[in-house]
Amino acid sequence: MNGANIIRPNNGKNDLGEMTLNRFIYLTKRLQLTPKSLITYDREAFIGVENPSVRATFDINIASYPTENIEDIYTENRLRQITNTFFVLELKFNEIMPSWMHRIVRDFSLRLDSYSKYCSGIDAWTSRGGEVIINS
């Protein structure tokens, strides 16, 4: 993000991923955005064989470390675990939920809920007074 040269892996064709990355870098520089927290997690992703717009992801081992230093991305020993007893399941589809996915939601009594890894990561380090406490 400091003017790094982005190499296109797709033989010079402009794709959505590259445009998204370029927009992210542009906004980061334009708005002078800096990191505030490192959020890590392990993700298992599944894509529909017959319909690739149908996807499911499982996020586990969500952890955080409040920092404004980009080099702290390698500071895994200071991470605070957020999710020890649950995982985040995201079911993704365009337009209409497939019937098999609907049956899974029904059979396992899943409920629609929003969850922010970022907010949960900040909460893991915040005292009741609202200040971030880091016990080194």
N, C-alpha and C. Protein backbone atom coordinates (compact mmCIF):
# COMPACT_ATOMS: atom_id res chain seq x y z
N MET A 1 0.82 -1.20 0.00
CA MET A 1 0.00 0.00 0.00
C MET A 1 0.86 1.26 0.00
N ASN A 2 2.13 1.07 -0.02
CA ASN A 2 3.04 2.21 -0.06
C ASN A 2 3.57 2.42 -1.47
N GLY A 3 2.73 2.19 -2.46
CA GLY A 3 3.15 2.32 -3.84
C GLY A 3 3.66 1.02 -4.41
N ALA A 4 3.32 -0.09 -3.75
CA ALA A 4 3.78 -1.40 -4.21
C ALA A 4 3.28 -1.67 -5.62
N ASN A 5 4.09 -2.39 -6.36
CA ASN A 5 3.74 -2.75 -7.72
C ASN A 5 2.91 -4.03 -7.68
N ILE A 6 1.69 -3.97 -8.16
CA ILE A 6 0.81 -5.13 -8.18
C ILE A 6 1.01 -5.86 -9.51
N ILE A 7 1.37 -7.11 -9.45
CA ILE A 7 1.59 -7.92 -10.65
C ILE A 7 0.32 -8.66 -10.99
N ARG A 8 -0.11 -8.54 -12.21
CA ARG A 8 -1.34 -9.21 -12.65
C ARG A 8 -1.06 -10.67 -12.96
N PRO A 9 -1.79 -11.59 -12.30
CA PRO A 9 -1.59 -13.01 -12.57
C PRO A 9 -2.39 -13.51 -13.77
N ASN A 10 -3.16 -12.63 -14.41
CA ASN A 10 -4.08 -13.07 -15.45
C ASN A 10 -3.72 -12.54 -16.84
N ASN A 11 -2.44 -12.48 -17.14
CA ASN A 11 -1.96 -12.06 -18.46
C ASN A 11 -2.43 -10.68 -18.89
N GLY A 12 -2.50 -9.75 -17.97
CA GLY A 12 -2.82 -8.38 -18.32
C GLY A 12 -4.30 -8.06 -18.42
N LYS A 13 -5.17 -9.04 -18.25
CA LYS A 13 -6.60 -8.77 -18.31
C LYS A 13 -7.05 -8.14 -17.00
N ASN A 14 -7.87 -7.12 -17.07
CA ASN A 14 -8.36 -6.45 -15.88
C ASN A 14 -9.56 -7.22 -15.34
N ASP A 15 -9.48 -7.71 -14.12
CA ASP A 15 -10.60 -8.46 -13.57
C ASP A 15 -11.13 -7.77 -12.32
N LEU A 16 -12.24 -8.29 -11.81
CA LEU A 16 -12.90 -7.68 -10.66
C LEU A 16 -12.01 -7.67 -9.43
N GLY A 17 -11.26 -8.74 -9.20
CA GLY A 17 -10.37 -8.80 -8.04
C GLY A 17 -9.31 -7.70 -8.08
N GLU A 18 -8.73 -7.49 -9.24
CA GLU A 18 -7.71 -6.45 -9.37
C GLU A 18 -8.33 -5.07 -9.20
N MET A 19 -9.51 -4.85 -9.77
CA MET A 19 -10.16 -3.55 -9.62
C MET A 19 -10.51 -3.29 -8.15
N THR A 20 -10.93 -4.33 -7.45
CA THR A 20 -11.26 -4.18 -6.02
C THR A 20 -10.01 -3.85 -5.22
N LEU A 21 -8.91 -4.54 -5.51
CA LEU A 21 -7.65 -4.26 -4.82
C LEU A 21 -7.19 -2.83 -5.10
N ASN A 22 -7.25 -2.41 -6.35
CA ASN A 22 -6.84 -1.04 -6.69
C ASN A 22 -7.71 -0.02 -5.99
N ARG A 23 -9.00 -0.26 -5.90
CA ARG A 23 -9.92 0.66 -5.20
C ARG A 23 -9.57 0.72 -3.71
N PHE A 24 -9.26 -0.44 -3.12
CA PHE A 24 -8.88 -0.49 -1.71
C PHE A 24 -7.62 0.34 -1.47
N ILE A 25 -6.61 0.14 -2.30
CA ILE A 25 -5.35 0.88 -2.15
C ILE A 25 -5.60 2.37 -2.34
N TYR A 26 -6.39 2.73 -3.34
CA TYR A 26 -6.70 4.14 -3.58
C TYR A 26 -7.38 4.76 -2.35
N LEU A 27 -8.41 4.12 -1.83
CA LEU A 27 -9.14 4.68 -0.69
C LEU A 27 -8.26 4.74 0.56
N THR A 28 -7.42 3.73 0.74
CA THR A 28 -6.51 3.73 1.89
C THR A 28 -5.59 4.94 1.87
N LYS A 29 -5.05 5.23 0.69
CA LYS A 29 -4.16 6.39 0.57
C LYS A 29 -4.94 7.69 0.62
N ARG A 30 -6.03 7.76 -0.11
CA ARG A 30 -6.82 9.00 -0.21
C ARG A 30 -7.37 9.43 1.14
N LEU A 31 -7.86 8.46 1.92
CA LEU A 31 -8.47 8.77 3.22
C LEU A 31 -7.47 8.63 4.36
N GLN A 32 -6.21 8.33 4.04
CA GLN A 32 -5.14 8.17 5.02
C GLN A 32 -5.54 7.18 6.12
N LEU A 33 -6.04 6.03 5.68
CA LEU A 33 -6.47 4.99 6.61
C LEU A 33 -5.27 4.21 7.11
N THR A 34 -5.32 3.82 8.39
CA THR A 34 -4.26 3.02 8.97
C THR A 34 -4.88 1.85 9.72
N PRO A 35 -4.13 0.77 9.90
CA PRO A 35 -4.67 -0.38 10.65
C PRO A 35 -4.98 0.00 12.08
N LYS A 36 -6.00 -0.65 12.64
CA LYS A 36 -6.35 -0.45 14.05
C LYS A 36 -6.35 -1.76 14.81
N SER A 37 -6.55 -2.84 14.11
CA SER A 37 -6.61 -4.14 14.77
C SER A 37 -6.29 -5.24 13.77
N LEU A 38 -5.55 -6.22 14.23
CA LEU A 38 -5.27 -7.40 13.43
C LEU A 38 -6.32 -8.44 13.77
N ILE A 39 -7.03 -8.93 12.76
CA ILE A 39 -8.03 -9.97 12.94
C ILE A 39 -7.58 -11.17 12.12
N THR A 40 -7.49 -12.33 12.75
CA THR A 40 -7.10 -13.54 12.04
C THR A 40 -8.18 -14.59 12.22
N TYR A 41 -8.27 -15.49 11.26
CA TYR A 41 -9.20 -16.62 11.37
C TYR A 41 -8.84 -17.65 10.32
N ASP A 42 -9.30 -18.86 10.56
CA ASP A 42 -9.15 -19.94 9.59
C ASP A 42 -10.48 -20.09 8.89
N ARG A 43 -10.44 -20.20 7.56
CA ARG A 43 -11.68 -20.29 6.78
C ARG A 43 -11.66 -21.54 5.92
N GLU A 44 -12.78 -22.25 5.96
CA GLU A 44 -13.02 -23.32 5.00
C GLU A 44 -14.12 -22.83 4.09
N ALA A 45 -13.86 -22.85 2.80
CA ALA A 45 -14.83 -22.33 1.84
C ALA A 45 -15.25 -23.44 0.89
N PHE A 46 -16.54 -23.45 0.59
CA PHE A 46 -17.10 -24.43 -0.33
C PHE A 46 -17.88 -23.69 -1.41
N ILE A 47 -17.70 -24.13 -2.65
CA ILE A 47 -18.36 -23.51 -3.79
C ILE A 47 -19.20 -24.56 -4.49
N GLY A 48 -20.42 -24.19 -4.86
CA GLY A 48 -21.32 -25.12 -5.53
C GLY A 48 -20.74 -25.66 -6.82
N VAL A 49 -20.85 -26.97 -7.01
CA VAL A 49 -20.35 -27.60 -8.23
C VAL A 49 -21.24 -27.22 -9.42
N GLU A 50 -22.54 -27.32 -9.23
CA GLU A 50 -23.47 -27.01 -10.31
C GLU A 50 -23.72 -25.52 -10.46
N ASN A 51 -23.61 -24.79 -9.34
CA ASN A 51 -23.88 -23.36 -9.36
C ASN A 51 -22.82 -22.66 -8.50
N PRO A 52 -21.77 -22.12 -9.11
CA PRO A 52 -20.69 -21.51 -8.33
C PRO A 52 -21.09 -20.25 -7.57
N SER A 53 -22.29 -19.72 -7.81
CA SER A 53 -22.72 -18.56 -7.02
C SER A 53 -23.23 -18.99 -5.64
N VAL A 54 -23.39 -20.29 -5.42
CA VAL A 54 -23.78 -20.81 -4.12
C VAL A 54 -22.51 -21.18 -3.37
N ARG A 55 -22.33 -20.54 -2.19
CA ARG A 55 -21.10 -20.74 -1.43
C ARG A 55 -21.43 -20.85 0.05
N ALA A 56 -20.57 -21.57 0.75
CA ALA A 56 -20.66 -21.66 2.21
C ALA A 56 -19.27 -21.52 2.77
N THR A 57 -19.12 -20.73 3.82
CA THR A 57 -17.82 -20.59 4.48
C THR A 57 -17.98 -20.82 5.98
N PHE A 58 -16.99 -21.46 6.56
CA PHE A 58 -16.91 -21.67 8.00
C PHE A 58 -15.68 -20.93 8.49
N ASP A 59 -15.85 -19.98 9.41
CA ASP A 59 -14.73 -19.26 10.00
C ASP A 59 -14.56 -19.75 11.44
N ILE A 60 -13.35 -20.21 11.76
CA ILE A 60 -13.04 -20.70 13.10
C ILE A 60 -11.75 -20.05 13.59
N ASN A 61 -11.48 -20.22 14.86
CA ASN A 61 -10.24 -19.70 15.46
C ASN A 61 -10.08 -18.21 15.21
N ILE A 62 -11.15 -17.46 15.38
CA ILE A 62 -11.09 -16.01 15.19
C ILE A 62 -10.35 -15.40 16.38
N ALA A 63 -9.37 -14.56 16.07
CA ALA A 63 -8.54 -13.95 17.12
C ALA A 63 -8.19 -12.53 16.71
N SER A 64 -7.75 -11.73 17.69
CA SER A 64 -7.45 -10.33 17.40
C SER A 64 -6.27 -9.83 18.23
N TYR A 65 -5.72 -8.72 17.73
CA TYR A 65 -4.69 -7.98 18.46
C TYR A 65 -4.79 -6.52 18.03
N PRO A 66 -5.08 -5.60 18.96
CA PRO A 66 -5.18 -4.19 18.57
C PRO A 66 -3.80 -3.61 18.26
N THR A 67 -3.68 -3.02 17.10
CA THR A 67 -2.39 -2.46 16.69
C THR A 67 -2.60 -1.47 15.56
N GLU A 68 -1.70 -0.52 15.47
CA GLU A 68 -1.70 0.41 14.34
C GLU A 68 -0.46 0.18 13.48
N ASN A 69 0.28 -0.87 13.79
CA ASN A 69 1.54 -1.15 13.10
C ASN A 69 1.34 -2.31 12.14
N ILE A 70 1.52 -2.09 10.86
CA ILE A 70 1.32 -3.13 9.85
C ILE A 70 2.26 -4.31 10.06
N GLU A 71 3.43 -4.08 10.67
CA GLU A 71 4.37 -5.16 10.91
C GLU A 71 3.85 -6.15 11.95
N ASP A 72 2.86 -5.75 12.75
CA ASP A 72 2.30 -6.64 13.77
C ASP A 72 1.47 -7.76 13.16
N ILE A 73 1.35 -7.79 11.83
CA ILE A 73 0.63 -8.87 11.19
C ILE A 73 1.28 -10.22 11.52
N TYR A 74 2.55 -10.18 11.92
CA TYR A 74 3.27 -11.40 12.25
C TYR A 74 3.29 -11.69 13.76
N THR A 75 2.50 -10.98 14.54
CA THR A 75 2.51 -11.09 15.99
C THR A 75 1.46 -12.09 16.47
N GLU A 76 1.58 -13.33 16.07
CA GLU A 76 0.56 -14.32 16.41
C GLU A 76 0.57 -14.71 17.88
N ASN A 77 1.71 -14.58 18.55
CA ASN A 77 1.78 -14.99 19.95
C ASN A 77 1.00 -14.05 20.88
N ARG A 78 0.62 -12.87 20.40
CA ARG A 78 -0.14 -11.93 21.23
C ARG A 78 -1.64 -11.94 20.93
N LEU A 79 -2.05 -12.75 19.98
CA LEU A 79 -3.46 -12.78 19.61
C LEU A 79 -4.33 -13.25 20.76
N ARG A 80 -5.50 -12.65 20.87
CA ARG A 80 -6.49 -13.07 21.86
C ARG A 80 -7.60 -13.79 21.13
N GLN A 81 -7.84 -15.04 21.53
CA GLN A 81 -8.87 -15.87 20.90
C GLN A 81 -10.26 -15.30 21.18
N ILE A 82 -11.07 -15.18 20.15
CA ILE A 82 -12.43 -14.67 20.31
C ILE A 82 -13.43 -15.82 20.31
N THR A 83 -13.28 -16.75 19.40
CA THR A 83 -14.26 -17.83 19.23
C THR A 83 -13.66 -19.17 19.63
N ASN A 84 -13.93 -19.58 20.85
CA ASN A 84 -13.48 -20.90 21.30
C ASN A 84 -14.58 -21.93 21.20
N THR A 85 -15.81 -21.48 21.28
CA THR A 85 -16.93 -22.42 21.38
C THR A 85 -17.88 -22.38 20.20
N PHE A 86 -17.59 -21.59 19.19
CA PHE A 86 -18.49 -21.55 18.04
C PHE A 86 -17.71 -21.18 16.79
N PHE A 87 -18.37 -21.31 15.66
CA PHE A 87 -17.81 -20.91 14.38
C PHE A 87 -18.81 -20.01 13.69
N VAL A 88 -18.35 -19.29 12.71
CA VAL A 88 -19.22 -18.42 11.92
C VAL A 88 -19.46 -19.11 10.59
N LEU A 89 -20.73 -19.35 10.29
CA LEU A 89 -21.13 -19.96 9.03
C LEU A 89 -21.80 -18.89 8.18
N GLU A 90 -21.30 -18.73 6.98
CA GLU A 90 -21.93 -17.80 6.03
C GLU A 90 -22.44 -18.62 4.85
N LEU A 91 -23.72 -18.46 4.56
CA LEU A 91 -24.33 -19.09 3.40
C LEU A 91 -24.56 -17.99 2.38
N LYS A 92 -24.00 -18.17 1.20
CA LYS A 92 -24.04 -17.10 0.21
C LYS A 92 -24.68 -17.64 -1.07
N PHE A 93 -25.56 -16.83 -1.64
CA PHE A 93 -26.23 -17.23 -2.87
C PHE A 93 -26.79 -15.98 -3.53
N ASN A 94 -27.06 -16.08 -4.80
CA ASN A 94 -27.68 -14.98 -5.55
C ASN A 94 -29.17 -15.27 -5.69
N GLU A 95 -29.96 -14.25 -5.43
CA GLU A 95 -31.41 -14.31 -5.63
C GLU A 95 -32.12 -15.25 -4.66
N ILE A 96 -32.21 -16.55 -4.95
CA ILE A 96 -33.03 -17.47 -4.15
C ILE A 96 -32.15 -18.53 -3.49
N MET A 97 -32.41 -18.76 -2.19
CA MET A 97 -31.68 -19.80 -1.47
C MET A 97 -32.08 -21.17 -2.04
N PRO A 98 -31.09 -22.00 -2.38
CA PRO A 98 -31.41 -23.34 -2.89
C PRO A 98 -32.16 -24.16 -1.84
N SER A 99 -33.01 -25.05 -2.29
CA SER A 99 -33.86 -25.83 -1.38
C SER A 99 -33.02 -26.69 -0.43
N TRP A 100 -31.90 -27.26 -0.90
CA TRP A 100 -31.08 -28.08 -0.03
C TRP A 100 -30.45 -27.24 1.09
N MET A 101 -30.12 -25.99 0.78
CA MET A 101 -29.56 -25.10 1.79
C MET A 101 -30.64 -24.72 2.80
N HIS A 102 -31.84 -24.50 2.32
CA HIS A 102 -32.97 -24.18 3.20
C HIS A 102 -33.22 -25.34 4.17
N ARG A 103 -33.12 -26.58 3.69
CA ARG A 103 -33.32 -27.74 4.56
C ARG A 103 -32.25 -27.80 5.65
N ILE A 104 -31.02 -27.47 5.31
CA ILE A 104 -29.94 -27.47 6.32
C ILE A 104 -30.23 -26.43 7.40
N VAL A 105 -30.64 -25.24 6.97
CA VAL A 105 -30.98 -24.18 7.93
C VAL A 105 -32.10 -24.65 8.85
N ARG A 106 -33.13 -25.27 8.27
CA ARG A 106 -34.27 -25.76 9.06
C ARG A 106 -33.87 -26.90 9.98
N ASP A 107 -33.19 -27.91 9.45
CA ASP A 107 -32.87 -29.11 10.23
C ASP A 107 -31.92 -28.84 11.39
N PHE A 108 -31.06 -27.83 11.23
CA PHE A 108 -30.12 -27.51 12.31
C PHE A 108 -30.57 -26.29 13.13
N SER A 109 -31.78 -25.82 12.87
CA SER A 109 -32.35 -24.67 13.58
C SER A 109 -31.39 -23.48 13.56
N LEU A 110 -30.81 -23.22 12.40
CA LEU A 110 -29.90 -22.08 12.27
C LEU A 110 -30.72 -20.80 12.24
N ARG A 111 -30.13 -19.73 12.73
CA ARG A 111 -30.84 -18.45 12.73
C ARG A 111 -29.98 -17.38 12.06
N LEU A 112 -30.65 -16.46 11.43
CA LEU A 112 -29.96 -15.34 10.79
C LEU A 112 -29.46 -14.40 11.88
N ASP A 113 -28.20 -14.05 11.81
CA ASP A 113 -27.62 -13.15 12.79
C ASP A 113 -26.46 -12.43 12.12
N SER A 114 -26.16 -11.25 12.59
CA SER A 114 -24.99 -10.54 12.08
C SER A 114 -23.88 -10.67 13.11
N TYR A 115 -22.66 -10.74 12.61
CA TYR A 115 -21.50 -10.90 13.47
C TYR A 115 -20.33 -10.14 12.85
N SER A 116 -19.72 -9.29 13.60
CA SER A 116 -18.58 -8.53 13.13
C SER A 116 -17.31 -9.05 13.78
N LYS A 117 -16.42 -9.61 12.98
CA LYS A 117 -15.15 -10.08 13.52
C LYS A 117 -14.36 -8.89 14.08
N TYR A 118 -14.42 -7.75 13.39
CA TYR A 118 -13.70 -6.57 13.84
C TYR A 118 -14.22 -6.10 15.21
N CYS A 119 -15.53 -5.92 15.34
CA CYS A 119 -16.09 -5.45 16.62
C CYS A 119 -15.83 -6.44 17.74
N SER A 120 -15.97 -7.72 17.45
CA SER A 120 -15.70 -8.74 18.47
C SER A 120 -14.23 -8.71 18.87
N GLY A 121 -13.37 -8.46 17.89
CA GLY A 121 -11.94 -8.36 18.19
C GLY A 121 -11.61 -7.19 19.09
N ILE A 122 -12.23 -6.05 18.84
CA ILE A 122 -12.03 -4.88 19.70
C ILE A 122 -12.62 -5.15 21.09
N ASP A 123 -13.82 -5.75 21.13
CA ASP A 123 -14.46 -6.07 22.42
C ASP A 123 -13.60 -6.99 23.28
N ALA A 124 -12.87 -7.90 22.64
CA ALA A 124 -12.03 -8.83 23.39
C ALA A 124 -10.93 -8.13 24.16
N TRP A 125 -10.58 -6.93 23.77
CA TRP A 125 -9.51 -6.17 24.40
C TRP A 125 -10.01 -4.95 25.16
N THR A 126 -11.32 -4.74 25.22
CA THR A 126 -11.86 -3.52 25.80
C THR A 126 -12.37 -3.77 27.21
N SER A 127 -12.04 -2.84 28.12
CA SER A 127 -12.55 -2.92 29.48
C SER A 127 -13.97 -2.36 29.52
N ARG A 128 -14.61 -2.46 30.66
CA ARG A 128 -15.97 -1.94 30.79
C ARG A 128 -16.03 -0.42 30.59
N GLY A 129 -14.93 0.26 30.81
CA GLY A 129 -14.89 1.71 30.64
C GLY A 129 -14.70 2.13 29.20
N GLY A 130 -14.52 1.18 28.30
CA GLY A 130 -14.40 1.49 26.89
C GLY A 130 -12.98 1.67 26.39
N GLU A 131 -11.98 1.53 27.25
CA GLU A 131 -10.61 1.69 26.78
C GLU A 131 -10.01 0.32 26.45
N VAL A 132 -9.12 0.32 25.48
CA VAL A 132 -8.47 -0.92 25.08
C VAL A 132 -7.33 -1.20 26.05
N ILE A 133 -7.35 -2.39 26.64
CA ILE A 133 -6.36 -2.79 27.61
C ILE A 133 -5.50 -3.90 27.01
N ILE A 134 -4.19 -3.67 26.93
CA ILE A 134 -3.27 -4.68 26.42
C ILE A 134 -2.36 -5.08 27.55
N ASN A 135 -2.49 -6.34 27.97
CA ASN A 135 -1.61 -6.89 29.02
C ASN A 135 -0.45 -7.57 28.33
N SER A 136 0.67 -6.88 28.21
CA SER A 136 1.82 -7.42 27.45
C SER A 136 2.38 -8.65 28.11
